[in-house]
Amino acid sequence: MLTIRLFCNQGMSTSLLVTKMRQAADKQGMEVDIAAFPANEMAERIEGIDCALLGPQVGYLKGKASKICETKNVPMDVIPMADYGMCNGEKVLAFAKKLSGK
């Protein structure tokens, strides 16, 4: 099971990407738990996850997010803009897998 949390402004703009990532995981026979939340909820939402992804629109929060994630040893990075913009679930899922080391 790969547990991924995406964080953006309101937790809603990434909902389509979450759906596409789940579809990509289904095609690969991969068990995932993927959800999106507002970036201001990150500290409460990273317990026990494999990686955290920031939407490009909140990439400016990377420094703050890194500090939050470091406290729980959760790898974190910003979703590449092209993959986010194209809603490429396969590429973002692969990005999350690589980031998590799974």
PDB file of N, CA and C in Angstrom:
ATOM      1  N   MET A   1       0.861  -1.194   0.000  1.00  0.00           N
ATOM      2  CA  MET A   1       0.000   0.000   0.000  1.00  0.00           C
ATOM      3  C   MET A   1       0.892   1.237   0.000  1.00  0.00           C
ATOM      4  N   LEU A   2       0.635   2.110  -0.936  1.00  0.00           N
ATOM      5  CA  LEU A   2       1.342   3.378  -1.023  1.00  0.00           C
ATOM      6  C   LEU A   2       0.366   4.474  -0.612  1.00  0.00           C
ATOM      7  N   THR A   3       0.720   5.215   0.426  1.00  0.00           N
ATOM      8  CA  THR A   3      -0.143   6.274   0.941  1.00  0.00           C
ATOM      9  C   THR A   3       0.446   7.625   0.561  1.00  0.00           C
ATOM     10  N   ILE A   4      -0.320   8.380  -0.219  1.00  0.00           N
ATOM     11  CA  ILE A   4       0.131   9.658  -0.770  1.00  0.00           C
ATOM     12  C   ILE A   4      -0.867  10.738  -0.390  1.00  0.00           C
ATOM     13  N   ARG A   5      -0.369  11.879   0.025  1.00  0.00           N
ATOM     14  CA  ARG A   5      -1.224  13.037   0.285  1.00  0.00           C
ATOM     15  C   ARG A   5      -0.763  14.183  -0.606  1.00  0.00           C
ATOM     16  N   LEU A   6      -1.732  14.785  -1.289  1.00  0.00           N
ATOM     17  CA  LEU A   6      -1.477  15.952  -2.116  1.00  0.00           C
ATOM     18  C   LEU A   6      -2.017  17.171  -1.386  1.00  0.00           C
ATOM     19  N   PHE A   7      -1.280  18.253  -1.460  1.00  0.00           N
ATOM     20  CA  PHE A   7      -1.679  19.478  -0.778  1.00  0.00           C
ATOM     21  C   PHE A   7      -1.687  20.637  -1.767  1.00  0.00           C
ATOM     22  N   CYS A   8      -2.785  21.391  -1.747  1.00  0.00           N
ATOM     23  CA  CYS A   8      -2.932  22.545  -2.633  1.00  0.00           C
ATOM     24  C   CYS A   8      -3.614  23.665  -1.857  1.00  0.00           C
ATOM     25  N   ASN A   9      -4.156  24.631  -2.570  1.00  0.00           N
ATOM     26  CA  ASN A   9      -4.788  25.773  -1.889  1.00  0.00           C
ATOM     27  C   ASN A   9      -5.977  25.354  -1.036  1.00  0.00           C
ATOM     28  N   GLN A  10      -6.952  24.701  -1.634  1.00  0.00           N
ATOM     29  CA  GLN A  10      -8.159  24.333  -0.913  1.00  0.00           C
ATOM     30  C   GLN A  10      -8.385  22.830  -0.838  1.00  0.00           C
ATOM     31  N   GLY A  11      -7.498  22.041  -1.421  1.00  0.00           N
ATOM     32  CA  GLY A  11      -7.684  20.604  -1.425  1.00  0.00           C
ATOM     33  C   GLY A  11      -8.672  20.143  -2.476  1.00  0.00           C
ATOM     34  N   MET A  12      -9.103  21.040  -3.329  1.00  0.00           N
ATOM     35  CA  MET A  12     -10.103  20.686  -4.334  1.00  0.00           C
ATOM     36  C   MET A  12      -9.526  20.663  -5.744  1.00  0.00           C
ATOM     37  N   SER A  13      -8.582  21.539  -6.027  1.00  0.00           N
ATOM     38  CA  SER A  13      -8.064  21.622  -7.397  1.00  0.00           C
ATOM     39  C   SER A  13      -7.302  20.370  -7.788  1.00  0.00           C
ATOM     40  N   THR A  14      -6.865  19.591  -6.831  1.00  0.00           N
ATOM     41  CA  THR A  14      -6.137  18.362  -7.138  1.00  0.00           C
ATOM     42  C   THR A  14      -7.047  17.140  -7.188  1.00  0.00           C
ATOM     43  N   SER A  15      -8.329  17.305  -6.979  1.00  0.00           N
ATOM     44  CA  SER A  15      -9.223  16.143  -6.924  1.00  0.00           C
ATOM     45  C   SER A  15      -9.238  15.351  -8.226  1.00  0.00           C
ATOM     46  N   LEU A  16      -9.188  16.024  -9.370  1.00  0.00           N
ATOM     47  CA  LEU A  16      -9.152  15.317 -10.649  1.00  0.00           C
ATOM     48  C   LEU A  16      -7.838  14.546 -10.787  1.00  0.00           C
ATOM     49  N   LEU A  17      -6.737  15.148 -10.349  1.00  0.00           N
ATOM     50  CA  LEU A  17      -5.447  14.466 -10.404  1.00  0.00           C
ATOM     51  C   LEU A  17      -5.451  13.232  -9.505  1.00  0.00           C
ATOM     52  N   VAL A  18      -6.052  13.329  -8.334  1.00  0.00           N
ATOM     53  CA  VAL A  18      -6.172  12.174  -7.433  1.00  0.00           C
ATOM     54  C   VAL A  18      -6.914  11.040  -8.145  1.00  0.00           C
ATOM     55  N   THR A  19      -8.001  11.364  -8.821  1.00  0.00           N
ATOM     56  CA  THR A  19      -8.767  10.359  -9.561  1.00  0.00           C
ATOM     57  C   THR A  19      -7.905   9.710 -10.631  1.00  0.00           C
ATOM     58  N   LYS A  20      -7.161  10.511 -11.377  1.00  0.00           N
ATOM     59  CA  LYS A  20      -6.297   9.986 -12.438  1.00  0.00           C
ATOM     60  C   LYS A  20      -5.180   9.113 -11.856  1.00  0.00           C
ATOM     61  N   MET A  21      -4.660   9.489 -10.708  1.00  0.00           N
ATOM     62  CA  MET A  21      -3.609   8.685 -10.057  1.00  0.00           C
ATOM     63  C   MET A  21      -4.169   7.345  -9.599  1.00  0.00           C
ATOM     64  N   ARG A  22      -5.370   7.366  -9.057  1.00  0.00           N
ATOM     65  CA  ARG A  22      -6.010   6.112  -8.633  1.00  0.00           C
ATOM     66  C   ARG A  22      -6.259   5.196  -9.829  1.00  0.00           C
ATOM     67  N   GLN A  23      -6.688   5.773 -10.947  1.00  0.00           N
ATOM     68  CA  GLN A  23      -6.919   4.983 -12.154  1.00  0.00           C
ATOM     69  C   GLN A  23      -5.618   4.363 -12.650  1.00  0.00           C
ATOM     70  N   ALA A  24      -4.541   5.138 -12.598  1.00  0.00           N
ATOM     71  CA  ALA A  24      -3.231   4.628 -13.016  1.00  0.00           C
ATOM     72  C   ALA A  24      -2.791   3.485 -12.101  1.00  0.00           C
ATOM     73  N   ALA A  25      -3.019   3.634 -10.805  1.00  0.00           N
ATOM     74  CA  ALA A  25      -2.661   2.582  -9.853  1.00  0.00           C
ATOM     75  C   ALA A  25      -3.469   1.314 -10.110  1.00  0.00           C
ATOM     76  N   ASP A  26      -4.760   1.473 -10.403  1.00  0.00           N
ATOM     77  CA  ASP A  26      -5.613   0.319 -10.708  1.00  0.00           C
ATOM     78  C   ASP A  26      -5.078  -0.448 -11.922  1.00  0.00           C
ATOM     79  N   LYS A  27      -4.673   0.287 -12.955  1.00  0.00           N
ATOM     80  CA  LYS A  27      -4.126  -0.340 -14.164  1.00  0.00           C
ATOM     81  C   LYS A  27      -2.871  -1.150 -13.856  1.00  0.00           C
ATOM     82  N   GLN A  28      -2.106  -0.673 -12.860  1.00  0.00           N
ATOM     83  CA  GLN A  28      -0.854  -1.328 -12.493  1.00  0.00           C
ATOM     84  C   GLN A  28      -1.058  -2.402 -11.418  1.00  0.00           C
ATOM     85  N   GLY A  29      -2.299  -2.551 -10.955  1.00  0.00           N
ATOM     86  CA  GLY A  29      -2.576  -3.510  -9.894  1.00  0.00           C
ATOM     87  C   GLY A  29      -1.949  -3.098  -8.574  1.00  0.00           C
ATOM     88  N   MET A  30      -1.825  -1.816  -8.379  1.00  0.00           N
ATOM     89  CA  MET A  30      -1.160  -1.261  -7.208  1.00  0.00           C
ATOM     90  C   MET A  30      -2.188  -0.773  -6.191  1.00  0.00           C
ATOM     91  N   GLU A  31      -1.979  -1.095  -4.938  1.00  0.00           N
ATOM     92  CA  GLU A  31      -2.879  -0.656  -3.878  1.00  0.00           C
ATOM     93  C   GLU A  31      -2.400   0.701  -3.359  1.00  0.00           C
ATOM     94  N   VAL A  32      -3.287   1.698  -3.397  1.00  0.00           N
ATOM     95  CA  VAL A  32      -2.921   3.054  -2.985  1.00  0.00           C
ATOM     96  C   VAL A  32      -3.999   3.673  -2.093  1.00  0.00           C
ATOM     97  N   ASP A  33      -3.562   4.641  -1.344  1.00  0.00           N
ATOM     98  CA  ASP A  33      -4.446   5.502  -0.560  1.00  0.00           C
ATOM     99  C   ASP A  33      -4.007   6.918  -0.897  1.00  0.00           C
ATOM    100  N   ILE A  34      -4.769   7.588  -1.751  1.00  0.00           N
ATOM    101  CA  ILE A  34      -4.405   8.922  -2.232  1.00  0.00           C
ATOM    102  C   ILE A  34      -5.539   9.881  -1.907  1.00  0.00           C
ATOM    103  N   ALA A  35      -5.190  11.024  -1.330  1.00  0.00           N
ATOM    104  CA  ALA A  35      -6.199  12.038  -1.012  1.00  0.00           C
ATOM    105  C   ALA A  35      -5.567  13.422  -1.096  1.00  0.00           C
ATOM    106  N   ALA A  36      -6.407  14.420  -1.299  1.00  0.00           N
ATOM    107  CA  ALA A  36      -5.954  15.811  -1.394  1.00  0.00           C
ATOM    108  C   ALA A  36      -6.549  16.637  -0.260  1.00  0.00           C
ATOM    109  N   PHE A  37      -5.732  17.561   0.241  1.00  0.00           N
ATOM    110  CA  PHE A  37      -6.138  18.431   1.345  1.00  0.00           C
ATOM    111  C   PHE A  37      -5.558  19.828   1.148  1.00  0.00           C
ATOM    112  N   PRO A  38      -6.119  20.809   1.838  1.00  0.00           N
ATOM    113  CA  PRO A  38      -5.526  22.149   1.805  1.00  0.00           C
ATOM    114  C   PRO A  38      -4.132  22.121   2.444  1.00  0.00           C
ATOM    115  N   ALA A  39      -3.232  22.919   1.909  1.00  0.00           N
ATOM    116  CA  ALA A  39      -1.853  22.949   2.410  1.00  0.00           C
ATOM    117  C   ALA A  39      -1.778  23.319   3.892  1.00  0.00           C
ATOM    118  N   ASN A  40      -2.718  24.124   4.374  1.00  0.00           N
ATOM    119  CA  ASN A  40      -2.669  24.525   5.779  1.00  0.00           C
ATOM    120  C   ASN A  40      -3.030  23.392   6.739  1.00  0.00           C
ATOM    121  N   GLU A  41      -3.410  22.214   6.195  1.00  0.00           N
ATOM    122  CA  GLU A  41      -3.705  21.046   7.029  1.00  0.00           C
ATOM    123  C   GLU A  41      -2.571  20.019   7.009  1.00  0.00           C
ATOM    124  N   MET A  42      -1.466  20.366   6.388  1.00  0.00           N
ATOM    125  CA  MET A  42      -0.384  19.395   6.222  1.00  0.00           C
ATOM    126  C   MET A  42       0.076  18.791   7.535  1.00  0.00           C
ATOM    127  N   ALA A  43       0.314  19.598   8.539  1.00  0.00           N
ATOM    128  CA  ALA A  43       0.835  19.085   9.810  1.00  0.00           C
ATOM    129  C   ALA A  43      -0.068  18.022  10.415  1.00  0.00           C
ATOM    130  N   GLU A  44      -1.380  18.137  10.201  1.00  0.00           N
ATOM    131  CA  GLU A  44      -2.331  17.178  10.765  1.00  0.00           C
ATOM    132  C   GLU A  44      -2.550  15.961   9.865  1.00  0.00           C
ATOM    133  N   ARG A  45      -2.066  16.010   8.632  1.00  0.00           N
ATOM    134  CA  ARG A  45      -2.415  14.969   7.651  1.00  0.00           C
ATOM    135  C   ARG A  45      -1.253  14.090   7.199  1.00  0.00           C
ATOM    136  N   ILE A  46      -0.060  14.247   7.778  1.00  0.00           N
ATOM    137  CA  ILE A  46       1.082  13.490   7.262  1.00  0.00           C
ATOM    138  C   ILE A  46       1.459  12.269   8.100  1.00  0.00           C
ATOM    139  N   GLU A  47       0.782  12.048   9.190  1.00  0.00           N
ATOM    140  CA  GLU A  47       1.097  10.891  10.033  1.00  0.00           C
ATOM    141  C   GLU A  47       0.910   9.584   9.259  1.00  0.00           C
ATOM    142  N   GLY A  48       1.963   8.773   9.198  1.00  0.00           N
ATOM    143  CA  GLY A  48       1.860   7.447   8.604  1.00  0.00           C
ATOM    144  C   GLY A  48       1.763   7.394   7.097  1.00  0.00           C
ATOM    145  N   ILE A  49       2.117   8.466   6.402  1.00  0.00           N
ATOM    146  CA  ILE A  49       2.042   8.441   4.941  1.00  0.00           C
ATOM    147  C   ILE A  49       3.424   8.156   4.349  1.00  0.00           C
ATOM    148  N   ASP A  50       3.436   7.775   3.075  1.00  0.00           N
ATOM    149  CA  ASP A  50       4.691   7.461   2.397  1.00  0.00           C
ATOM    150  C   ASP A  50       5.322   8.667   1.720  1.00  0.00           C
ATOM    151  N   CYS A  51       4.509   9.620   1.277  1.00  0.00           N
ATOM    152  CA  CYS A  51       5.043  10.861   0.721  1.00  0.00           C
ATOM    153  C   CYS A  51       3.954  11.929   0.638  1.00  0.00           C
ATOM    154  N   ALA A  52       4.422  13.167   0.592  1.00  0.00           N
ATOM    155  CA  ALA A  52       3.532  14.329   0.469  1.00  0.00           C
ATOM    156  C   ALA A  52       3.920  15.076  -0.799  1.00  0.00           C
ATOM    157  N   LEU A  53       2.917  15.494  -1.546  1.00  0.00           N
ATOM    158  CA  LEU A  53       3.140  16.244  -2.775  1.00  0.00           C
ATOM    159  C   LEU A  53       2.431  17.587  -2.698  1.00  0.00           C
ATOM    160  N   LEU A  54       3.149  18.625  -3.072  1.00  0.00           N
ATOM    161  CA  LEU A  54       2.560  19.970  -3.125  1.00  0.00           C
ATOM    162  C   LEU A  54       2.148  20.274  -4.556  1.00  0.00           C
ATOM    163  N   GLY A  55       0.975  20.864  -4.715  1.00  0.00           N
ATOM    164  CA  GLY A  55       0.580  21.357  -6.026  1.00  0.00           C
ATOM    165  C   GLY A  55       1.488  22.515  -6.408  1.00  0.00           C
ATOM    166  N   PRO A  56       1.773  22.699  -7.689  1.00  0.00           N
ATOM    167  CA  PRO A  56       2.668  23.780  -8.116  1.00  0.00           C
ATOM    168  C   PRO A  56       2.217  25.160  -7.652  1.00  0.00           C
ATOM    169  N   GLN A  57       0.897  25.349  -7.516  1.00  0.00           N
ATOM    170  CA  GLN A  57       0.388  26.656  -7.111  1.00  0.00           C
ATOM    171  C   GLN A  57       0.744  27.007  -5.666  1.00  0.00           C
ATOM    172  N   VAL A  58       1.157  26.003  -4.876  1.00  0.00           N
ATOM    173  CA  VAL A  58       1.609  26.267  -3.503  1.00  0.00           C
ATOM    174  C   VAL A  58       3.077  25.869  -3.337  1.00  0.00           C
ATOM    175  N   GLY A  59       3.791  25.785  -4.454  1.00  0.00           N
ATOM    176  CA  GLY A  59       5.211  25.440  -4.420  1.00  0.00           C
ATOM    177  C   GLY A  59       6.036  26.394  -3.578  1.00  0.00           C
ATOM    178  N   TYR A  60       5.558  27.626  -3.439  1.00  0.00           N
ATOM    179  CA  TYR A  60       6.263  28.609  -2.615  1.00  0.00           C
ATOM    180  C   TYR A  60       6.303  28.199  -1.144  1.00  0.00           C
ATOM    181  N   LEU A  61       5.490  27.227  -0.760  1.00  0.00           N
ATOM    182  CA  LEU A  61       5.460  26.728   0.625  1.00  0.00           C
ATOM    183  C   LEU A  61       6.438  25.576   0.861  1.00  0.00           C
ATOM    184  N   LYS A  62       7.259  25.256  -0.133  1.00  0.00           N
ATOM    185  CA  LYS A  62       8.118  24.083  -0.044  1.00  0.00           C
ATOM    186  C   LYS A  62       9.027  24.112   1.194  1.00  0.00           C
ATOM    187  N   GLY A  63       9.607  25.243   1.515  1.00  0.00           N
ATOM    188  CA  GLY A  63      10.488  25.343   2.681  1.00  0.00           C
ATOM    189  C   GLY A  63       9.754  25.014   3.972  1.00  0.00           C
ATOM    190  N   LYS A  64       8.601  25.611   4.147  1.00  0.00           N
ATOM    191  CA  LYS A  64       7.789  25.365   5.337  1.00  0.00           C
ATOM    192  C   LYS A  64       7.310  23.909   5.375  1.00  0.00           C
ATOM    193  N   ALA A  65       6.866  23.406   4.223  1.00  0.00           N
ATOM    194  CA  ALA A  65       6.375  22.035   4.138  1.00  0.00           C
ATOM    195  C   ALA A  65       7.490  21.032   4.437  1.00  0.00           C
ATOM    196  N   SER A  66       8.700  21.322   3.959  1.00  0.00           N
ATOM    197  CA  SER A  66       9.834  20.435   4.221  1.00  0.00           C
ATOM    198  C   SER A  66      10.079  20.282   5.716  1.00  0.00           C
ATOM    199  N   LYS A  67      10.006  21.390   6.426  1.00  0.00           N
ATOM    200  CA  LYS A  67      10.220  21.340   7.881  1.00  0.00           C
ATOM    201  C   LYS A  67       9.144  20.498   8.569  1.00  0.00           C
ATOM    202  N   ILE A  68       7.898  20.663   8.142  1.00  0.00           N
ATOM    203  CA  ILE A  68       6.801  19.883   8.714  1.00  0.00           C
ATOM    204  C   ILE A  68       7.024  18.395   8.433  1.00  0.00           C
ATOM    205  N   CYS A  69       7.353  18.072   7.197  1.00  0.00           N
ATOM    206  CA  CYS A  69       7.521  16.673   6.801  1.00  0.00           C
ATOM    207  C   CYS A  69       8.753  16.031   7.438  1.00  0.00           C
ATOM    208  N   GLU A  70       9.795  16.794   7.624  1.00  0.00           N
ATOM    209  CA  GLU A  70      11.011  16.262   8.251  1.00  0.00           C
ATOM    210  C   GLU A  70      10.736  15.738   9.651  1.00  0.00           C
ATOM    211  N   THR A  71       9.812  16.368  10.365  1.00  0.00           N
ATOM    212  CA  THR A  71       9.525  15.932  11.734  1.00  0.00           C
ATOM    213  C   THR A  71       8.947  14.523  11.778  1.00  0.00           C
ATOM    214  N   LYS A  72       8.359  14.068  10.664  1.00  0.00           N
ATOM    215  CA  LYS A  72       7.752  12.728  10.593  1.00  0.00           C
ATOM    216  C   LYS A  72       8.488  11.826   9.596  1.00  0.00           C
ATOM    217  N   ASN A  73       9.653  12.299   9.111  1.00  0.00           N
ATOM    218  CA  ASN A  73      10.434  11.548   8.115  1.00  0.00           C
ATOM    219  C   ASN A  73       9.614  11.202   6.874  1.00  0.00           C
ATOM    220  N   VAL A  74       8.833  12.160   6.422  1.00  0.00           N
ATOM    221  CA  VAL A  74       8.001  11.981   5.226  1.00  0.00           C
ATOM    222  C   VAL A  74       8.649  12.731   4.060  1.00  0.00           C
ATOM    223  N   PRO A  75       8.992  12.020   2.983  1.00  0.00           N
ATOM    224  CA  PRO A  75       9.532  12.718   1.818  1.00  0.00           C
ATOM    225  C   PRO A  75       8.463  13.609   1.181  1.00  0.00           C
ATOM    226  N   MET A  76       8.903  14.769   0.684  1.00  0.00           N
ATOM    227  CA  MET A  76       7.960  15.745   0.136  1.00  0.00           C
ATOM    228  C   MET A  76       8.605  16.450  -1.041  1.00  0.00           C
ATOM    229  N   ASP A  77       7.811  16.764  -2.052  1.00  0.00           N
ATOM    230  CA  ASP A  77       8.295  17.557  -3.177  1.00  0.00           C
ATOM    231  C   ASP A  77       7.102  18.205  -3.867  1.00  0.00           C
ATOM    232  N   VAL A  78       7.412  19.094  -4.813  1.00  0.00           N
ATOM    233  CA  VAL A  78       6.388  19.792  -5.596  1.00  0.00           C
ATOM    234  C   VAL A  78       6.126  18.993  -6.874  1.00  0.00           C
ATOM    235  N   ILE A  79       4.867  18.791  -7.199  1.00  0.00           N
ATOM    236  CA  ILE A  79       4.486  18.093  -8.427  1.00  0.00           C
ATOM    237  C   ILE A  79       4.967  18.915  -9.622  1.00  0.00           C
ATOM    238  N   PRO A  80       5.633  18.280 -10.583  1.00  0.00           N
ATOM    239  CA  PRO A  80       6.060  19.024 -11.777  1.00  0.00           C
ATOM    240  C   PRO A  80       4.862  19.698 -12.459  1.00  0.00           C
ATOM    241  N   MET A  81       5.053  20.949 -12.817  1.00  0.00           N
ATOM    242  CA  MET A  81       3.974  21.760 -13.387  1.00  0.00           C
ATOM    243  C   MET A  81       3.345  21.121 -14.624  1.00  0.00           C
ATOM    244  N   ALA A  82       4.152  20.583 -15.532  1.00  0.00           N
ATOM    245  CA  ALA A  82       3.606  19.994 -16.762  1.00  0.00           C
ATOM    246  C   ALA A  82       2.703  18.807 -16.438  1.00  0.00           C
ATOM    247  N   ASP A  83       3.132  17.949 -15.521  1.00  0.00           N
ATOM    248  CA  ASP A  83       2.330  16.779 -15.165  1.00  0.00           C
ATOM    249  C   ASP A  83       1.058  17.180 -14.440  1.00  0.00           C
ATOM    250  N   TYR A  84       1.152  18.190 -13.603  1.00  0.00           N
ATOM    251  CA  TYR A  84      -0.025  18.691 -12.892  1.00  0.00           C
ATOM    252  C   TYR A  84      -1.011  19.296 -13.889  1.00  0.00           C
ATOM    253  N   GLY A  85      -0.484  20.160 -14.763  1.00  0.00           N
ATOM    254  CA  GLY A  85      -1.336  20.851 -15.738  1.00  0.00           C
ATOM    255  C   GLY A  85      -2.028  19.904 -16.697  1.00  0.00           C
ATOM    256  N   MET A  86      -1.341  18.818 -17.068  1.00  0.00           N
ATOM    257  CA  MET A  86      -1.915  17.833 -17.990  1.00  0.00           C
ATOM    258  C   MET A  86      -2.709  16.769 -17.236  1.00  0.00           C
ATOM    259  N   CYS A  87      -2.723  16.880 -15.911  1.00  0.00           N
ATOM    260  CA  CYS A  87      -3.431  15.924 -15.060  1.00  0.00           C
ATOM    261  C   CYS A  87      -2.977  14.495 -15.390  1.00  0.00           C
ATOM    262  N   ASN A  88      -1.652  14.333 -15.476  1.00  0.00           N
ATOM    263  CA  ASN A  88      -1.064  13.055 -15.860  1.00  0.00           C
ATOM    264  C   ASN A  88      -0.891  12.175 -14.621  1.00  0.00           C
ATOM    265  N   GLY A  89      -1.910  11.404 -14.338  1.00  0.00           N
ATOM    266  CA  GLY A  89      -1.920  10.556 -13.153  1.00  0.00           C
ATOM    267  C   GLY A  89      -0.797   9.542 -13.135  1.00  0.00           C
ATOM    268  N   GLU A  90      -0.461   8.984 -14.303  1.00  0.00           N
ATOM    269  CA  GLU A  90       0.612   7.987 -14.363  1.00  0.00           C
ATOM    270  C   GLU A  90       1.951   8.586 -13.971  1.00  0.00           C
ATOM    271  N   LYS A  91       2.265   9.752 -14.513  1.00  0.00           N
ATOM    272  CA  LYS A  91       3.557  10.380 -14.220  1.00  0.00           C
ATOM    273  C   LYS A  91       3.633  10.847 -12.773  1.00  0.00           C
ATOM    274  N   VAL A  92       2.556  11.396 -12.246  1.00  0.00           N
ATOM    275  CA  VAL A  92       2.578  11.865 -10.857  1.00  0.00           C
ATOM    276  C   VAL A  92       2.648  10.674  -9.905  1.00  0.00           C
ATOM    277  N   LEU A  93       1.984   9.584 -10.240  1.00  0.00           N
ATOM    278  CA  LEU A  93       2.080   8.376  -9.427  1.00  0.00           C
ATOM    279  C   LEU A  93       3.516   7.852  -9.438  1.00  0.00           C
ATOM    280  N   ALA A  94       4.143   7.822 -10.609  1.00  0.00           N
ATOM    281  CA  ALA A  94       5.537   7.376 -10.714  1.00  0.00           C
ATOM    282  C   ALA A  94       6.455   8.297  -9.913  1.00  0.00           C
ATOM    283  N   PHE A  95       6.189   9.592  -9.963  1.00  0.00           N
ATOM    284  CA  PHE A  95       6.949  10.592  -9.199  1.00  0.00           C
ATOM    285  C   PHE A  95       6.828  10.307  -7.704  1.00  0.00           C
ATOM    286  N   ALA A  96       5.611  10.008  -7.247  1.00  0.00           N
ATOM    287  CA  ALA A  96       5.373   9.722  -5.833  1.00  0.00           C
ATOM    288  C   ALA A  96       6.058   8.409  -5.421  1.00  0.00           C
ATOM    289  N   LYS A  97       5.986   7.400  -6.280  1.00  0.00           N
ATOM    290  CA  LYS A  97       6.643   6.116  -5.988  1.00  0.00           C
ATOM    291  C   LYS A  97       8.145   6.322  -5.823  1.00  0.00           C
ATOM    292  N   LYS A  98       8.735   7.048  -6.735  1.00  0.00           N
ATOM    293  CA  LYS A  98      10.186   7.305  -6.682  1.00  0.00           C
ATOM    294  C   LYS A  98      10.530   8.090  -5.418  1.00  0.00           C
ATOM    295  N   LEU A  99       9.744   9.111  -5.137  1.00  0.00           N
ATOM    296  CA  LEU A  99       9.977   9.943  -3.953  1.00  0.00           C
ATOM    297  C   LEU A  99       9.897   9.129  -2.667  1.00  0.00           C
ATOM    298  N   SER A 100       8.940   8.223  -2.617  1.00  0.00           N
ATOM    299  CA  SER A 100       8.736   7.419  -1.401  1.00  0.00           C
ATOM    300  C   SER A 100       9.757   6.292  -1.267  1.00  0.00           C
ATOM    301  N   GLY A 101      10.383   5.937  -2.376  1.00  0.00           N
ATOM    302  CA  GLY A 101      11.333   4.827  -2.355  1.00  0.00           C
ATOM    303  C   GLY A 101      10.669   3.466  -2.403  1.00  0.00           C
ATOM    304  N   LYS A 102       9.400   3.423  -2.759  1.00  0.00           N
ATOM    305  CA  LYS A 102       8.666   2.146  -2.835  1.00  0.00           C
ATOM    306  C   LYS A 102       8.526   1.664  -4.255  1.00  0.00           C
TER     307      LYS A 102
END
